[in-house]
Structures are given as C-alpha cells and as structure tokens.
Amino acid sequence: GNNLSVTDFSLEDLNSNSSTYRQIIGPSTYEGSVSGYYFGDQGWGTCRHRFGVLNDLLLELRSEGINDVYILGINGIDYEDKSLAGMITGRILPWAQDNVDQRVWESWKVFIRDLFILDRDGHVVEVVNLTSFNPDPSQNDGENYRAIKNLLLGARDQ
C-alpha cells in the first residue's frame, strides 16, 4: 500500500440492523482485519445506492467464508438532518454520524462517496471514489464490483 496513515476515530453505530448497533466503532475496532470506510450523504439516492452495493458485497464475502473484512459508512456533518432510514433499511453495515469532536471527513480529507480501504495495520491501501466508479454489479459486466472486491481481498495479504 501507500502507507498513508489515517487518524483513529470513535463514532456510534446508528444502524439497528448492525451487529455493533449503539457501540462505539472506529479503525481500532477492526485492528487485525481489513476495513473499508464509505463516506456518504444518508439522504442522497446515489450515496444510498453505493452503500447498498457495499452491503451486498460484504454479505457475499461472508457467504464465501471471509470473516476478516469489514465495511462501515460515515455520514457527513452537513447531512445529519437527512433521513437515516433510507440508508440503513435492509442493510447490516454499521452507519455512523461524523461530528465536530471527531471531524473524520476533515482529518481524512474525504470527498463524498470515497471508499477508504485499510489493511490489518490500519494503513490506507487504496481510496476509490464511487461517484463515477459505480460498483454496481450490473454496470460494465461487473468489472468495477470485482475490482472493489479484489481490493478488499488483496488488502488481507498486505
């Protein structure tokens, strides 16, 4: 990887469907595993769509016996008043709200719809912006979807 380090954070998981609901989560939670961090606007359709694809991807990894990869989403401070339900309904991925104490978007220098992939040591392996790089398996014969999946799997061997 590029060995870029990002700051740890502690935010509450707001997704009642998630196994870590109401727990405080952040990169240190996933130490020793690969973790993906998706930054979106919980009220925006495109952001919701991308998070849904990531949710399906994680479920696919679990079905293949891959249990050391995690993905979570983080809503921007400016989007806190938007509807949460549309982002989390039917999804198991943790979803957290950035805040003025943590300022994750700011400290990680995030662009909306960025997906940060961290290796087991918490170093950034890759940052992919999912705005034009649509990970939906129905797009481009699923090439983008496979590329994201392979980045996550490849980070396990970093």
C-alpha atoms as a PDB file:
ATOM      1  CA  GLY A   1       0.000   0.000   0.000  1.00  0.00           C
ATOM      2  CA  ASN A   2       0.944   3.669   0.019  1.00  0.00           C
ATOM      3  CA  ASN A   3       1.390   3.508   3.803  1.00  0.00           C
ATOM      4  CA  LEU A   4      -0.732   6.614   4.280  1.00  0.00           C
ATOM      5  CA  SER A   5      -1.978   6.597   7.838  1.00  0.00           C
ATOM      6  CA  VAL A   6      -5.304   7.997   8.936  1.00  0.00           C
ATOM      7  CA  THR A   7      -6.353   9.091  12.396  1.00  0.00           C
ATOM      8  CA  ASP A   8      -8.446   6.781  14.538  1.00  0.00           C
ATOM      9  CA  PHE A   9     -11.959   7.899  15.439  1.00  0.00           C
ATOM     10  CA  SER A  10     -14.767   6.842  17.751  1.00  0.00           C
ATOM     11  CA  LEU A  11     -18.331   7.144  16.496  1.00  0.00           C
ATOM     12  CA  GLU A  12     -21.557   5.389  17.458  1.00  0.00           C
ATOM     13  CA  ASP A  13     -23.041   2.784  15.112  1.00  0.00           C
ATOM     14  CA  LEU A  14     -26.569   4.054  14.327  1.00  0.00           C
ATOM     15  CA  ASN A  15     -27.745   1.076  12.271  1.00  0.00           C
ATOM     16  CA  SER A  16     -30.202  -1.005  14.306  1.00  0.00           C
ATOM     17  CA  ASN A  17     -29.652  -3.917  11.847  1.00  0.00           C
ATOM     18  CA  SER A  18     -25.907  -3.976  12.504  1.00  0.00           C
ATOM     19  CA  SER A  19     -24.198  -6.348  14.950  1.00  0.00           C
ATOM     20  CA  THR A  20     -22.410  -3.350  16.516  1.00  0.00           C
ATOM     21  CA  TYR A  21     -25.545  -1.175  16.922  1.00  0.00           C
ATOM     22  CA  ARG A  22     -25.068   1.512  19.613  1.00  0.00           C
ATOM     23  CA  GLN A  23     -21.413   0.511  20.072  1.00  0.00           C
ATOM     24  CA  ILE A  24     -18.560   2.955  19.546  1.00  0.00           C
ATOM     25  CA  ILE A  25     -16.653   1.982  16.412  1.00  0.00           C
ATOM     26  CA  GLY A  26     -13.602   3.185  14.505  1.00  0.00           C
ATOM     27  CA  PRO A  27     -10.444   1.861  12.864  1.00  0.00           C
ATOM     28  CA  SER A  28      -9.106   0.471  16.146  1.00  0.00           C
ATOM     29  CA  THR A  29     -12.264  -1.693  16.363  1.00  0.00           C
ATOM     30  CA  TYR A  30     -11.103  -3.539  13.242  1.00  0.00           C
ATOM     31  CA  GLU A  31      -7.401  -3.829  14.063  1.00  0.00           C
ATOM     32  CA  GLY A  32      -6.050  -7.095  12.669  1.00  0.00           C
ATOM     33  CA  SER A  33      -8.734  -7.148   9.967  1.00  0.00           C
ATOM     34  CA  VAL A  34      -9.218  -5.335   6.670  1.00  0.00           C
ATOM     35  CA  SER A  35     -11.692  -2.470   6.869  1.00  0.00           C
ATOM     36  CA  GLY A  36     -13.467  -0.263   4.357  1.00  0.00           C
ATOM     37  CA  TYR A  37     -14.838   3.211   5.170  1.00  0.00           C
ATOM     38  CA  TYR A  38     -17.507   4.682   2.921  1.00  0.00           C
ATOM     39  CA  PHE A  39     -18.308   8.382   3.222  1.00  0.00           C
ATOM     40  CA  GLY A  40     -21.752   9.440   2.071  1.00  0.00           C
ATOM     41  CA  ASP A  41     -24.808  11.644   2.447  1.00  0.00           C
ATOM     42  CA  GLN A  42     -27.519   9.491   4.047  1.00  0.00           C
ATOM     43  CA  GLY A  43     -30.263  11.432   2.267  1.00  0.00           C
ATOM     44  CA  TRP A  44     -28.882  11.185  -1.273  1.00  0.00           C
ATOM     45  CA  GLY A  45     -30.015   8.378  -3.582  1.00  0.00           C
ATOM     46  CA  THR A  46     -26.642   7.808  -5.224  1.00  0.00           C
ATOM     47  CA  CYS A  47     -24.901   7.580  -1.850  1.00  0.00           C
ATOM     48  CA  ARG A  48     -27.550   5.161  -0.616  1.00  0.00           C
ATOM     49  CA  HIS A  49     -27.192   3.040  -3.741  1.00  0.00           C
ATOM     50  CA  ARG A  50     -23.411   2.714  -3.367  1.00  0.00           C
ATOM     51  CA  PHE A  51     -23.777   1.752   0.310  1.00  0.00           C
ATOM     52  CA  GLY A  52     -26.301  -0.907  -0.689  1.00  0.00           C
ATOM     53  CA  VAL A  53     -23.823  -2.396  -3.169  1.00  0.00           C
ATOM     54  CA  LEU A  54     -21.126  -2.450  -0.465  1.00  0.00           C
ATOM     55  CA  ASN A  55     -23.590  -4.166   1.873  1.00  0.00           C
ATOM     56  CA  ASP A  56     -24.262  -6.871  -0.741  1.00  0.00           C
ATOM     57  CA  LEU A  57     -20.520  -7.240  -1.325  1.00  0.00           C
ATOM     58  CA  LEU A  58     -19.856  -7.805   2.361  1.00  0.00           C
ATOM     59  CA  LEU A  59     -22.660 -10.394   2.539  1.00  0.00           C
ATOM     60  CA  GLU A  60     -21.084 -12.144  -0.467  1.00  0.00           C
ATOM     61  CA  LEU A  61     -17.687 -12.217   1.275  1.00  0.00           C
ATOM     62  CA  ARG A  62     -19.299 -13.685   4.410  1.00  0.00           C
ATOM     63  CA  SER A  63     -21.015 -16.363   2.293  1.00  0.00           C
ATOM     64  CA  GLU A  64     -17.568 -17.265   0.929  1.00  0.00           C
ATOM     65  CA  GLY A  65     -16.183 -17.689   4.449  1.00  0.00           C
ATOM     66  CA  ILE A  66     -14.308 -14.362   4.513  1.00  0.00           C
ATOM     67  CA  ASN A  67     -14.780 -13.074   8.065  1.00  0.00           C
ATOM     68  CA  ASP A  68     -11.834 -10.691   8.427  1.00  0.00           C
ATOM     69  CA  VAL A  69     -13.124  -7.898   6.173  1.00  0.00           C
ATOM     70  CA  TYR A  70     -15.442  -5.162   7.478  1.00  0.00           C
ATOM     71  CA  ILE A  71     -17.149  -2.190   5.832  1.00  0.00           C
ATOM     72  CA  LEU A  72     -18.819   0.764   7.527  1.00  0.00           C
ATOM     73  CA  GLY A  73     -20.286   4.056   6.426  1.00  0.00           C
ATOM     74  CA  ILE A  74     -19.934   7.561   7.809  1.00  0.00           C
ATOM     75  CA  ASN A  75     -22.437  10.345   7.228  1.00  0.00           C
ATOM     76  CA  GLY A  76     -21.072  13.861   6.775  1.00  0.00           C
ATOM     77  CA  ILE A  77     -21.679  16.516   9.428  1.00  0.00           C
ATOM     78  CA  ASP A  78     -23.633  18.622   6.915  1.00  0.00           C
ATOM     79  CA  TYR A  79     -26.078  15.762   6.236  1.00  0.00           C
ATOM     80  CA  GLU A  80     -27.053  14.917   9.810  1.00  0.00           C
ATOM     81  CA  ASP A  81     -30.602  16.229   9.392  1.00  0.00           C
ATOM     82  CA  LYS A  82     -31.307  13.966   6.394  1.00  0.00           C
ATOM     83  CA  SER A  83     -33.325  10.763   6.731  1.00  0.00           C
ATOM     84  CA  LEU A  84     -31.317   7.891   8.188  1.00  0.00           C
ATOM     85  CA  ALA A  85     -33.859   5.165   7.341  1.00  0.00           C
ATOM     86  CA  GLY A  86     -33.194   5.203   3.591  1.00  0.00           C
ATOM     87  CA  MET A  87     -29.520   4.480   4.193  1.00  0.00           C
ATOM     88  CA  ILE A  88     -29.843   1.618   6.678  1.00  0.00           C
ATOM     89  CA  THR A  89     -33.130  -0.160   5.915  1.00  0.00           C
ATOM     90  CA  GLY A  90     -32.418  -3.777   4.986  1.00  0.00           C
ATOM     91  CA  ARG A  91     -28.674  -3.299   5.476  1.00  0.00           C
ATOM     92  CA  ILE A  92     -26.348  -4.718   8.114  1.00  0.00           C
ATOM     93  CA  LEU A  93     -23.298  -2.482   7.641  1.00  0.00           C
ATOM     94  CA  PRO A  94     -22.568  -0.090  10.504  1.00  0.00           C
ATOM     95  CA  TRP A  95     -23.507   3.545   9.772  1.00  0.00           C
ATOM     96  CA  ALA A  96     -22.107   6.362  11.902  1.00  0.00           C
ATOM     97  CA  GLN A  97     -22.519  10.122  12.110  1.00  0.00           C
ATOM     98  CA  ASP A  98     -19.402  12.306  11.894  1.00  0.00           C
ATOM     99  CA  ASN A  99     -19.380  15.154  14.417  1.00  0.00           C
ATOM    100  CA  VAL A 100     -17.471  18.289  15.400  1.00  0.00           C
ATOM    101  CA  ASP A 101     -15.458  16.418  18.038  1.00  0.00           C
ATOM    102  CA  GLN A 102     -14.175  13.792  15.583  1.00  0.00           C
ATOM    103  CA  ARG A 103     -14.271  15.549  12.186  1.00  0.00           C
ATOM    104  CA  VAL A 104     -13.352  12.351  10.343  1.00  0.00           C
ATOM    105  CA  TRP A 105     -14.245  13.727   6.906  1.00  0.00           C
ATOM    106  CA  GLU A 106     -11.927  16.681   7.515  1.00  0.00           C
ATOM    107  CA  SER A 107      -8.981  14.774   9.002  1.00  0.00           C
ATOM    108  CA  TRP A 108      -9.136  12.039   6.343  1.00  0.00           C
ATOM    109  CA  LYS A 109      -9.536  14.675   3.567  1.00  0.00           C
ATOM    110  CA  VAL A 110     -12.644  12.946   2.238  1.00  0.00           C
ATOM    111  CA  PHE A 111     -14.556  13.590  -0.966  1.00  0.00           C
ATOM    112  CA  ILE A 112     -18.184  12.477  -0.924  1.00  0.00           C
ATOM    113  CA  ARG A 113     -18.523   8.769  -1.902  1.00  0.00           C
ATOM    114  CA  ASP A 114     -14.896   7.954  -1.123  1.00  0.00           C
ATOM    115  CA  LEU A 115     -14.204   4.383  -0.062  1.00  0.00           C
ATOM    116  CA  PHE A 116     -11.013   4.066   2.008  1.00  0.00           C
ATOM    117  CA  ILE A 117      -9.588   0.542   2.294  1.00  0.00           C
ATOM    118  CA  LEU A 118      -7.281  -0.092   5.263  1.00  0.00           C
ATOM    119  CA  ASP A 119      -5.041  -3.104   5.792  1.00  0.00           C
ATOM    120  CA  ARG A 120      -4.766  -5.088   9.031  1.00  0.00           C
ATOM    121  CA  ASP A 121      -2.374  -2.484  10.476  1.00  0.00           C
ATOM    122  CA  GLY A 122      -4.698   0.420   9.696  1.00  0.00           C
ATOM    123  CA  HIS A 123      -2.703   1.765   6.745  1.00  0.00           C
ATOM    124  CA  VAL A 124      -4.549   3.031   3.693  1.00  0.00           C
ATOM    125  CA  VAL A 125      -4.200   0.572   0.825  1.00  0.00           C
ATOM    126  CA  GLU A 126      -6.456   2.419  -1.600  1.00  0.00           C
ATOM    127  CA  VAL A 127      -9.009   5.204  -1.857  1.00  0.00           C
ATOM    128  CA  VAL A 128     -11.646   4.785  -4.564  1.00  0.00           C
ATOM    129  CA  ASN A 129     -14.287   7.403  -5.228  1.00  0.00           C
ATOM    130  CA  LEU A 130     -17.548   5.609  -6.044  1.00  0.00           C
ATOM    131  CA  THR A 131     -19.203   8.554  -7.826  1.00  0.00           C
ATOM    132  CA  SER A 132     -18.061   7.786 -11.379  1.00  0.00           C
ATOM    133  CA  PHE A 133     -16.641   4.367 -10.438  1.00  0.00           C
ATOM    134  CA  ASN A 134     -20.046   2.756  -9.999  1.00  0.00           C
ATOM    135  CA  PRO A 135     -19.562  -0.568  -8.172  1.00  0.00           C
ATOM    136  CA  ASP A 136     -22.994  -1.922  -9.121  1.00  0.00           C
ATOM    137  CA  PRO A 137     -22.528  -5.483 -10.474  1.00  0.00           C
ATOM    138  CA  SER A 138     -24.935  -4.662 -13.334  1.00  0.00           C
ATOM    139  CA  GLN A 139     -22.526  -1.963 -14.608  1.00  0.00           C
ATOM    140  CA  ASN A 140     -19.643  -2.757 -17.028  1.00  0.00           C
ATOM    141  CA  ASP A 141     -20.159  -6.516 -16.753  1.00  0.00           C
ATOM    142  CA  GLY A 142     -19.461  -6.276 -13.046  1.00  0.00           C
ATOM    143  CA  GLU A 143     -15.841  -5.187 -13.566  1.00  0.00           C
ATOM    144  CA  ASN A 144     -15.991  -2.344 -11.036  1.00  0.00           C
ATOM    145  CA  TYR A 145     -17.695  -4.585  -8.489  1.00  0.00           C
ATOM    146  CA  ARG A 146     -14.970  -7.215  -8.899  1.00  0.00           C
ATOM    147  CA  ALA A 147     -12.284  -4.535  -8.671  1.00  0.00           C
ATOM    148  CA  ILE A 148     -13.597  -3.356  -5.274  1.00  0.00           C
ATOM    149  CA  LYS A 149     -13.931  -6.943  -4.080  1.00  0.00           C
ATOM    150  CA  ASN A 150     -10.374  -7.719  -5.197  1.00  0.00           C
ATOM    151  CA  LEU A 151      -9.013  -4.607  -3.439  1.00  0.00           C
ATOM    152  CA  LEU A 152     -10.607  -5.783  -0.192  1.00  0.00           C
ATOM    153  CA  LEU A 153      -9.334  -9.345  -0.640  1.00  0.00           C
ATOM    154  CA  GLY A 154      -5.885  -8.140  -1.689  1.00  0.00           C
ATOM    155  CA  ALA A 155      -5.609  -5.953   1.417  1.00  0.00           C
ATOM    156  CA  ARG A 156      -5.800  -9.151   3.504  1.00  0.00           C
ATOM    157  CA  ASP A 157      -2.359 -10.097   2.185  1.00  0.00           C
ATOM    158  CA  GLN A 158      -0.710  -6.685   2.671  1.00  0.00           C
END
